[in-house]
């Protein structure tokens, strides 16, 4: 038996390309005391991984050249010497792009899954995993949404944005989405139920378009993009508005030269709150988020947008497509079992 791994072959220059990744073979790990071996089933592709590919640390250490790509996964326990986990258990945690991962009590996000047999297991990597939980916690804990709010969501057709749009609508908010393609705008409007959708690529004056779409101002901006989109949104915020800093994908491929913000004074003038957050800091709120999301999904009130790529060898190409902005919904790799 071998353990196939996707490793970092080169530091990406801008948008990652398939050649930045390489498939190699290694030995299958063996569990030591306090460890378990996990057979990865689904890899959750995350925009945050991009920040680990440049060789510089952020809130995690960088992935070294030749090192396996780090990322969340759903897996099944193959063997265990870790208390509380038995062979056959389904788990979620921050592992690597590989067939088999070692896991222990210090594994970030590690939890045992008890999936609803009526729901696809892959949903626990997205809508019922970090993407959905991030949307829920961000809107409620940071955004403090309430019925009647106008909620603006950027990257509204993405993994987290698509769930954020629907949660805001369920909670009685007016929802405005920002996307980068007409195809995505149609999905966000017709499938996710947003009241208004703006294709930023067709707006020479995005700030003006947002002001027209939100004449009474934006109460909560769920920001997945940063950069010029955040700068424009600042001009459309209502007095006392809340900005939820979830991600800044517009600069992930250009971290060495981030986009300047020119309208930051609006934070003072409009008495805005702007708070970034990482789900890792709110893990005590994950159970409530998961319960609400599963209830909505089971009742048919949430729609899951999922883009599944088959095969570990295609993980690099799938990640490249996601970071180029060509996909809709949650991007997942189904690890083939050969």
Protein backbone atom coordinates (compact mmCIF):
# COMPACT_ATOMS: atom_id res chain seq x y z
CA UNK A 1 0.00 0.00 0.00
CA UNK A 2 1.14 3.54 -0.76
CA UNK A 3 -0.03 6.92 0.41
CA UNK A 4 -0.52 9.26 -2.53
CA UNK A 5 0.06 12.90 -1.63
CA UNK A 6 -0.38 16.19 -3.47
CA UNK A 7 2.64 18.32 -2.62
CA UNK A 8 3.70 21.89 -3.35
CA UNK A 9 5.95 21.83 -6.41
CA UNK A 10 6.41 25.62 -6.78
CA UNK A 11 5.31 28.80 -5.08
CA UNK A 12 2.41 30.12 -7.20
CA UNK A 13 2.88 33.34 -9.11
CA UNK A 14 -0.58 34.89 -8.95
CA UNK A 15 -3.39 32.40 -9.53
CA UNK A 16 -2.13 28.87 -8.77
CA UNK A 17 -1.80 26.58 -11.78
CA UNK A 18 -1.82 22.80 -11.94
CA UNK A 19 1.96 22.62 -12.31
CA UNK A 20 2.37 24.24 -8.87
CA UNK A 21 1.26 20.88 -7.46
CA UNK A 22 2.66 17.37 -7.88
CA UNK A 23 1.36 13.92 -7.01
CA UNK A 24 3.89 11.74 -5.19
CA UNK A 25 3.84 8.45 -3.32
CA UNK A 26 4.88 7.94 0.29
CA UNK A 27 4.52 5.26 2.94
CA UNK A 28 1.18 4.85 4.65
CA UNK A 29 1.55 6.33 8.16
CA UNK A 30 1.33 4.16 11.26
CA UNK A 31 -0.47 5.40 14.37
CA UNK A 32 1.68 5.91 17.44
CA UNK A 33 0.41 6.48 20.99
CA UNK A 34 -2.34 9.11 20.99
CA UNK A 35 -2.67 9.04 17.20
CA UNK A 36 -4.97 7.59 14.57
CA UNK A 37 -4.74 6.94 10.84
CA UNK A 38 -7.52 8.51 8.82
CA UNK A 39 -8.53 7.51 5.29
CA UNK A 40 -9.49 10.77 3.56
CA UNK A 41 -12.77 10.66 1.65
CA UNK A 42 -13.46 14.29 0.74
CA UNK A 43 -11.07 17.25 0.61
CA UNK A 44 -12.52 20.68 1.29
CA UNK A 45 -10.87 23.22 -1.02
CA UNK A 46 -10.45 26.52 0.82
CA UNK A 47 -9.37 29.93 -0.40
CA UNK A 48 -7.36 30.28 2.82
CA UNK A 49 -4.96 27.58 1.58
CA UNK A 50 -3.61 30.13 -0.91
CA UNK A 51 -1.98 32.06 1.93
CA UNK A 52 0.03 28.99 2.94
CA UNK A 53 1.58 28.47 -0.50
CA UNK A 54 3.83 31.56 -0.67
CA UNK A 55 6.45 30.50 1.86
CA UNK A 56 5.45 33.06 4.49
CA UNK A 57 3.55 32.44 7.73
CA UNK A 58 0.13 33.86 8.54
CA UNK A 59 -2.12 32.31 11.18
CA UNK A 60 -0.62 28.94 10.12
CA UNK A 61 2.90 28.00 9.14
CA UNK A 62 3.54 27.99 5.38
CA UNK A 63 3.59 24.77 3.38
CA UNK A 64 7.20 24.07 2.41
CA UNK A 65 8.22 23.09 -1.11
CA UNK A 66 7.73 19.36 -1.39
CA UNK A 67 5.34 19.35 1.55
CA UNK A 68 1.83 17.93 1.37
CA UNK A 69 -0.89 20.53 0.92
CA UNK A 70 -2.74 21.18 4.17
CA UNK A 71 -6.52 21.35 4.12
CA UNK A 72 -9.69 20.22 5.85
CA UNK A 73 -11.07 16.79 5.05
CA UNK A 74 -13.74 14.28 5.88
CA UNK A 75 -12.23 10.90 6.62
CA UNK A 76 -12.84 7.49 8.11
CA UNK A 77 -10.69 6.18 10.96
CA UNK A 78 -8.65 3.18 9.77
CA UNK A 79 -6.74 2.48 12.98
CA UNK A 80 -6.67 4.32 16.28
CA UNK A 81 -4.61 4.69 19.41
CA UNK A 82 -6.42 7.93 20.26
CA UNK A 83 -8.98 7.75 23.06
CA UNK A 84 -12.53 8.35 21.92
CA UNK A 85 -11.99 7.33 18.30
CA UNK A 86 -12.52 3.86 16.87
CA UNK A 87 -11.97 2.33 13.42
CA UNK A 88 -14.93 3.15 11.21
CA UNK A 89 -15.65 6.51 12.84
CA UNK A 90 -16.27 9.38 10.44
CA UNK A 91 -14.34 12.52 11.35
CA UNK A 92 -13.59 16.03 10.10
CA UNK A 93 -10.31 17.84 10.68
CA UNK A 94 -7.44 19.79 9.19
CA UNK A 95 -5.32 17.14 7.49
CA UNK A 96 -3.55 17.02 4.11
CA UNK A 97 -4.27 16.26 0.46
CA UNK A 98 -3.43 12.57 0.64
CA UNK A 99 -4.99 9.13 0.92
CA UNK A 100 -4.07 8.62 4.59
CA UNK A 101 -3.40 11.21 7.28
CA UNK A 102 -2.14 10.98 10.84
CA UNK A 103 -4.39 12.76 13.31
CA UNK A 104 -4.27 13.37 17.05
CA UNK A 105 -5.97 15.40 19.76
CA UNK A 106 -4.21 18.56 18.56
CA UNK A 107 -5.57 18.35 15.02
CA UNK A 108 -7.29 21.65 14.24
CA UNK A 109 -11.08 21.41 13.82
CA UNK A 110 -11.05 17.71 14.72
CA UNK A 111 -14.48 16.38 15.54
CA UNK A 112 -16.39 13.16 15.15
CA UNK A 113 -19.21 13.25 12.62
CA UNK A 114 -22.62 11.68 13.07
CA UNK A 115 -23.99 12.42 9.61
CA UNK A 116 -27.66 12.37 8.76
CA UNK A 117 -28.00 9.34 6.45
CA UNK A 118 -30.56 11.26 4.38
CA UNK A 119 -28.00 13.96 3.50
CA UNK A 120 -24.90 13.57 1.29
CA UNK A 121 -21.71 13.07 3.30
CA UNK A 122 -19.91 15.65 1.14
CA UNK A 123 -22.20 18.37 2.55
CA UNK A 124 -20.34 18.01 5.85
CA UNK A 125 -17.29 19.49 4.09
CA UNK A 126 -19.22 22.56 2.95
CA UNK A 127 -22.74 23.63 3.82
CA UNK A 128 -22.66 21.55 7.02
CA UNK A 129 -18.95 22.14 7.53
CA UNK A 130 -16.70 25.16 7.68
CA UNK A 131 -18.41 27.11 4.89
CA UNK A 132 -21.88 26.97 6.40
CA UNK A 133 -20.63 27.38 9.96
CA UNK A 134 -18.57 30.41 8.96
CA UNK A 135 -21.57 32.02 7.28
CA UNK A 136 -23.79 31.37 10.30
CA UNK A 137 -21.34 32.54 12.95
CA UNK A 138 -20.21 35.54 10.92
CA UNK A 139 -23.73 36.80 10.30
CA UNK A 140 -25.02 36.21 13.82
CA UNK A 141 -22.03 36.81 16.10
CA UNK A 142 -20.18 39.50 14.12
CA UNK A 143 -22.93 40.93 11.92
CA UNK A 144 -25.70 40.68 14.53
CA UNK A 145 -28.28 40.43 11.74
CA UNK A 146 -31.92 41.12 12.50
CA UNK A 147 -35.12 41.11 10.43
CA UNK A 148 -35.35 44.08 8.10
CA UNK A 149 -31.60 44.55 7.72
CA UNK A 150 -30.11 45.03 4.29
CA UNK A 151 -27.35 42.44 4.00
CA UNK A 152 -24.72 42.70 1.27
CA UNK A 153 -22.71 39.58 0.42
CA UNK A 154 -19.68 39.52 -1.88
CA UNK A 155 -18.61 36.34 -3.69
CA UNK A 156 -22.29 35.50 -3.29
CA UNK A 157 -22.07 32.38 -5.47
CA UNK A 158 -19.13 30.97 -3.53
CA UNK A 159 -19.02 28.32 -0.83
CA UNK A 160 -19.57 30.65 2.10
CA UNK A 161 -21.33 33.49 0.29
CA UNK A 162 -24.04 31.24 -1.12
CA UNK A 163 -24.95 30.04 2.38
CA UNK A 164 -24.70 33.56 3.84
CA UNK A 165 -27.20 34.86 1.28
CA UNK A 166 -29.72 32.17 2.20
CA UNK A 167 -29.28 32.52 5.96
CA UNK A 168 -29.86 36.27 5.70
CA UNK A 169 -33.03 35.68 3.67
CA UNK A 170 -34.27 33.07 6.16
CA UNK A 171 -33.70 35.58 8.96
CA UNK A 172 -35.93 38.15 7.23
CA UNK A 173 -33.26 40.37 5.72
CA UNK A 174 -33.13 42.04 2.31
CA UNK A 175 -30.25 40.38 0.47
CA UNK A 176 -27.99 41.95 -2.15
CA UNK A 177 -25.31 39.79 -3.74
CA UNK A 178 -22.13 40.71 -5.61
CA UNK A 179 -20.80 38.28 -8.22
CA UNK A 180 -18.42 38.32 -11.19
CA UNK A 181 -20.45 36.66 -13.96
CA UNK A 182 -24.00 36.73 -15.32
CA UNK A 183 -24.28 32.95 -14.84
CA UNK A 184 -23.52 33.41 -11.15
CA UNK A 185 -25.95 36.31 -10.89
CA UNK A 186 -28.76 34.15 -12.22
CA UNK A 187 -28.00 31.39 -9.70
CA UNK A 188 -27.84 33.81 -6.77
CA UNK A 189 -31.09 35.48 -7.80
CA UNK A 190 -33.15 32.51 -8.95
CA UNK A 191 -31.79 29.67 -6.77
CA UNK A 192 -30.58 31.43 -3.63
CA UNK A 193 -33.35 34.03 -3.52
CA UNK A 194 -31.33 37.24 -3.33
CA UNK A 195 -33.41 40.37 -3.87
CA UNK A 196 -30.79 42.09 -6.02
CA UNK A 197 -27.56 40.86 -7.62
CA UNK A 198 -24.78 43.01 -9.04
CA UNK A 199 -22.15 41.79 -11.52
CA UNK A 200 -19.18 43.91 -10.53
CA UNK A 201 -17.45 43.27 -13.85
CA UNK A 202 -20.23 45.19 -15.61
CA UNK A 203 -20.16 48.17 -13.24
CA UNK A 204 -17.60 50.88 -13.98
CA UNK A 205 -18.75 52.56 -10.75
CA UNK A 206 -19.38 49.74 -8.28
CA UNK A 207 -19.86 52.12 -5.35
CA UNK A 208 -22.56 53.97 -7.27
CA UNK A 209 -24.27 50.71 -8.20
CA UNK A 210 -24.30 49.62 -4.56
CA UNK A 211 -25.75 52.93 -3.40
CA UNK A 212 -28.52 52.62 -5.99
CA UNK A 213 -29.23 49.03 -4.97
CA UNK A 214 -29.25 49.92 -1.26
CA UNK A 215 -30.82 53.40 -1.05
CA UNK A 216 -31.26 53.15 2.74
CA UNK A 217 -27.74 51.86 3.21
CA UNK A 218 -26.20 48.46 3.96
CA UNK A 219 -26.65 47.35 7.56
CA UNK A 220 -24.41 44.28 7.31
CA UNK A 221 -21.73 43.62 4.72
CA UNK A 222 -20.46 40.03 4.68
CA UNK A 223 -17.11 40.50 2.95
CA UNK A 224 -15.42 37.56 1.26
CA UNK A 225 -13.46 39.66 -1.24
CA UNK A 226 -11.78 42.75 0.21
CA UNK A 227 -9.90 45.06 -2.15
CA UNK A 228 -11.85 47.33 -4.47
CA UNK A 229 -15.12 45.61 -3.54
CA UNK A 230 -14.68 46.44 0.13
CA UNK A 231 -13.67 49.98 -0.82
CA UNK A 232 -16.86 50.40 -2.82
CA UNK A 233 -19.04 48.85 -0.11
CA UNK A 234 -17.77 51.37 2.43
CA UNK A 235 -19.55 54.08 0.42
CA UNK A 236 -22.88 52.25 0.61
CA UNK A 237 -22.94 51.45 4.33
CA UNK A 238 -25.66 52.75 6.63
CA UNK A 239 -24.84 54.63 9.81
CA UNK A 240 -23.74 52.10 12.42
CA UNK A 241 -23.37 49.35 9.84
CA UNK A 242 -21.41 46.18 10.57
CA UNK A 243 -18.78 44.74 8.25
CA UNK A 244 -17.99 41.05 8.69
CA UNK A 245 -14.43 40.42 7.49
CA UNK A 246 -14.58 36.78 6.42
CA UNK A 247 -12.05 36.72 3.58
CA UNK A 248 -10.17 38.85 1.08
CA UNK A 249 -9.85 36.56 -1.90
CA UNK A 250 -9.19 39.43 -4.33
CA UNK A 251 -5.69 39.78 -2.85
CA UNK A 252 -4.90 36.13 -2.06
CA UNK A 253 -3.19 35.75 -5.42
CA UNK A 254 -1.39 39.07 -4.97
CA UNK A 255 -0.39 39.12 -1.32
CA UNK A 256 2.87 40.99 -1.98
CA UNK A 257 1.00 44.01 -3.34
CA UNK A 258 -2.42 44.26 -1.68
CA UNK A 259 -5.06 46.62 -3.01
CA UNK A 260 -5.07 50.01 -1.23
CA UNK A 261 -8.29 51.23 0.39
CA UNK A 262 -9.24 54.86 -0.24
CA UNK A 263 -12.58 55.05 1.58
CA UNK A 264 -11.56 53.82 5.02
CA UNK A 265 -12.53 57.16 6.53
CA UNK A 266 -16.12 55.99 6.16
CA UNK A 267 -15.55 53.72 9.15
CA UNK A 268 -15.36 56.89 11.24
CA UNK A 269 -17.84 59.04 9.35
CA UNK A 270 -20.56 56.36 9.36
CA UNK A 271 -19.55 54.91 12.74
CA UNK A 272 -19.06 51.46 11.28
CA UNK A 273 -17.72 48.35 12.93
CA UNK A 274 -15.33 46.24 10.88
CA UNK A 275 -14.25 42.96 12.42
CA UNK A 276 -12.35 40.11 10.88
CA UNK A 277 -12.88 36.64 12.26
CA UNK A 278 -11.66 33.07 11.97
CA UNK A 279 -14.01 30.21 12.71
CA UNK A 280 -11.26 28.62 14.85
CA UNK A 281 -11.88 31.34 17.43
CA UNK A 282 -15.59 30.54 17.71
CA UNK A 283 -15.60 26.76 17.94
CA UNK A 284 -17.94 26.91 20.93
CA UNK A 285 -20.60 28.27 18.57
CA UNK A 286 -20.18 25.55 15.94
CA UNK A 287 -22.67 23.08 17.50
CA UNK A 288 -25.51 25.61 17.41
CA UNK A 289 -24.57 26.62 13.86
CA UNK A 290 -24.48 23.00 12.73
CA UNK A 291 -27.86 22.25 14.30
CA UNK A 292 -29.52 25.22 12.61
CA UNK A 293 -27.96 24.47 9.23
CA UNK A 294 -28.96 20.81 9.33
CA UNK A 295 -32.51 21.72 10.30
CA UNK A 296 -32.80 24.17 7.41
CA UNK A 297 -31.29 21.69 4.96
CA UNK A 298 -33.56 18.88 6.12
CA UNK A 299 -36.56 21.18 5.71
CA UNK A 300 -35.49 22.20 2.21
CA UNK A 301 -34.93 25.83 3.17
CA UNK A 302 -31.27 25.84 2.11
CA UNK A 303 -29.92 24.93 -1.32
CA UNK A 304 -26.41 23.47 -1.55
CA UNK A 305 -24.24 24.56 -4.46
CA UNK A 306 -21.53 21.94 -4.76
CA UNK A 307 -18.77 21.41 -7.33
CA UNK A 308 -17.22 17.96 -6.84
CA UNK A 309 -14.01 16.91 -8.61
CA UNK A 310 -13.29 13.20 -8.78
CA UNK A 311 -9.81 11.94 -7.91
CA UNK A 312 -6.92 13.03 -5.72
CA UNK A 313 -4.71 13.58 -8.78
CA UNK A 314 -7.06 16.36 -9.95
CA UNK A 315 -6.90 18.35 -6.69
CA UNK A 316 -4.36 20.86 -8.00
CA UNK A 317 -6.35 21.58 -11.15
CA UNK A 318 -9.56 21.90 -9.12
CA UNK A 319 -7.91 24.37 -6.76
CA UNK A 320 -6.56 26.40 -9.68
CA UNK A 321 -10.04 26.67 -11.20
CA UNK A 322 -11.51 27.78 -7.88
CA UNK A 323 -8.89 30.46 -7.33
CA UNK A 324 -9.40 31.72 -10.89
CA UNK A 325 -13.04 32.34 -10.02
CA UNK A 326 -14.51 30.01 -12.62
CA UNK A 327 -16.54 27.76 -10.28
CA UNK A 328 -19.83 28.10 -8.43
CA UNK A 329 -20.48 26.92 -4.88
CA UNK A 330 -18.42 24.71 -2.64
CA UNK A 331 -15.41 23.02 -4.27
CA UNK A 332 -14.68 19.52 -3.04
CA UNK A 333 -12.38 16.71 -4.17
CA UNK A 334 -13.70 13.17 -3.82
CA UNK A 335 -10.62 11.08 -3.09
CA UNK A 336 -10.77 7.99 -5.29
CA UNK A 337 -10.40 4.73 -3.44
CA UNK A 338 -7.90 2.99 -5.78
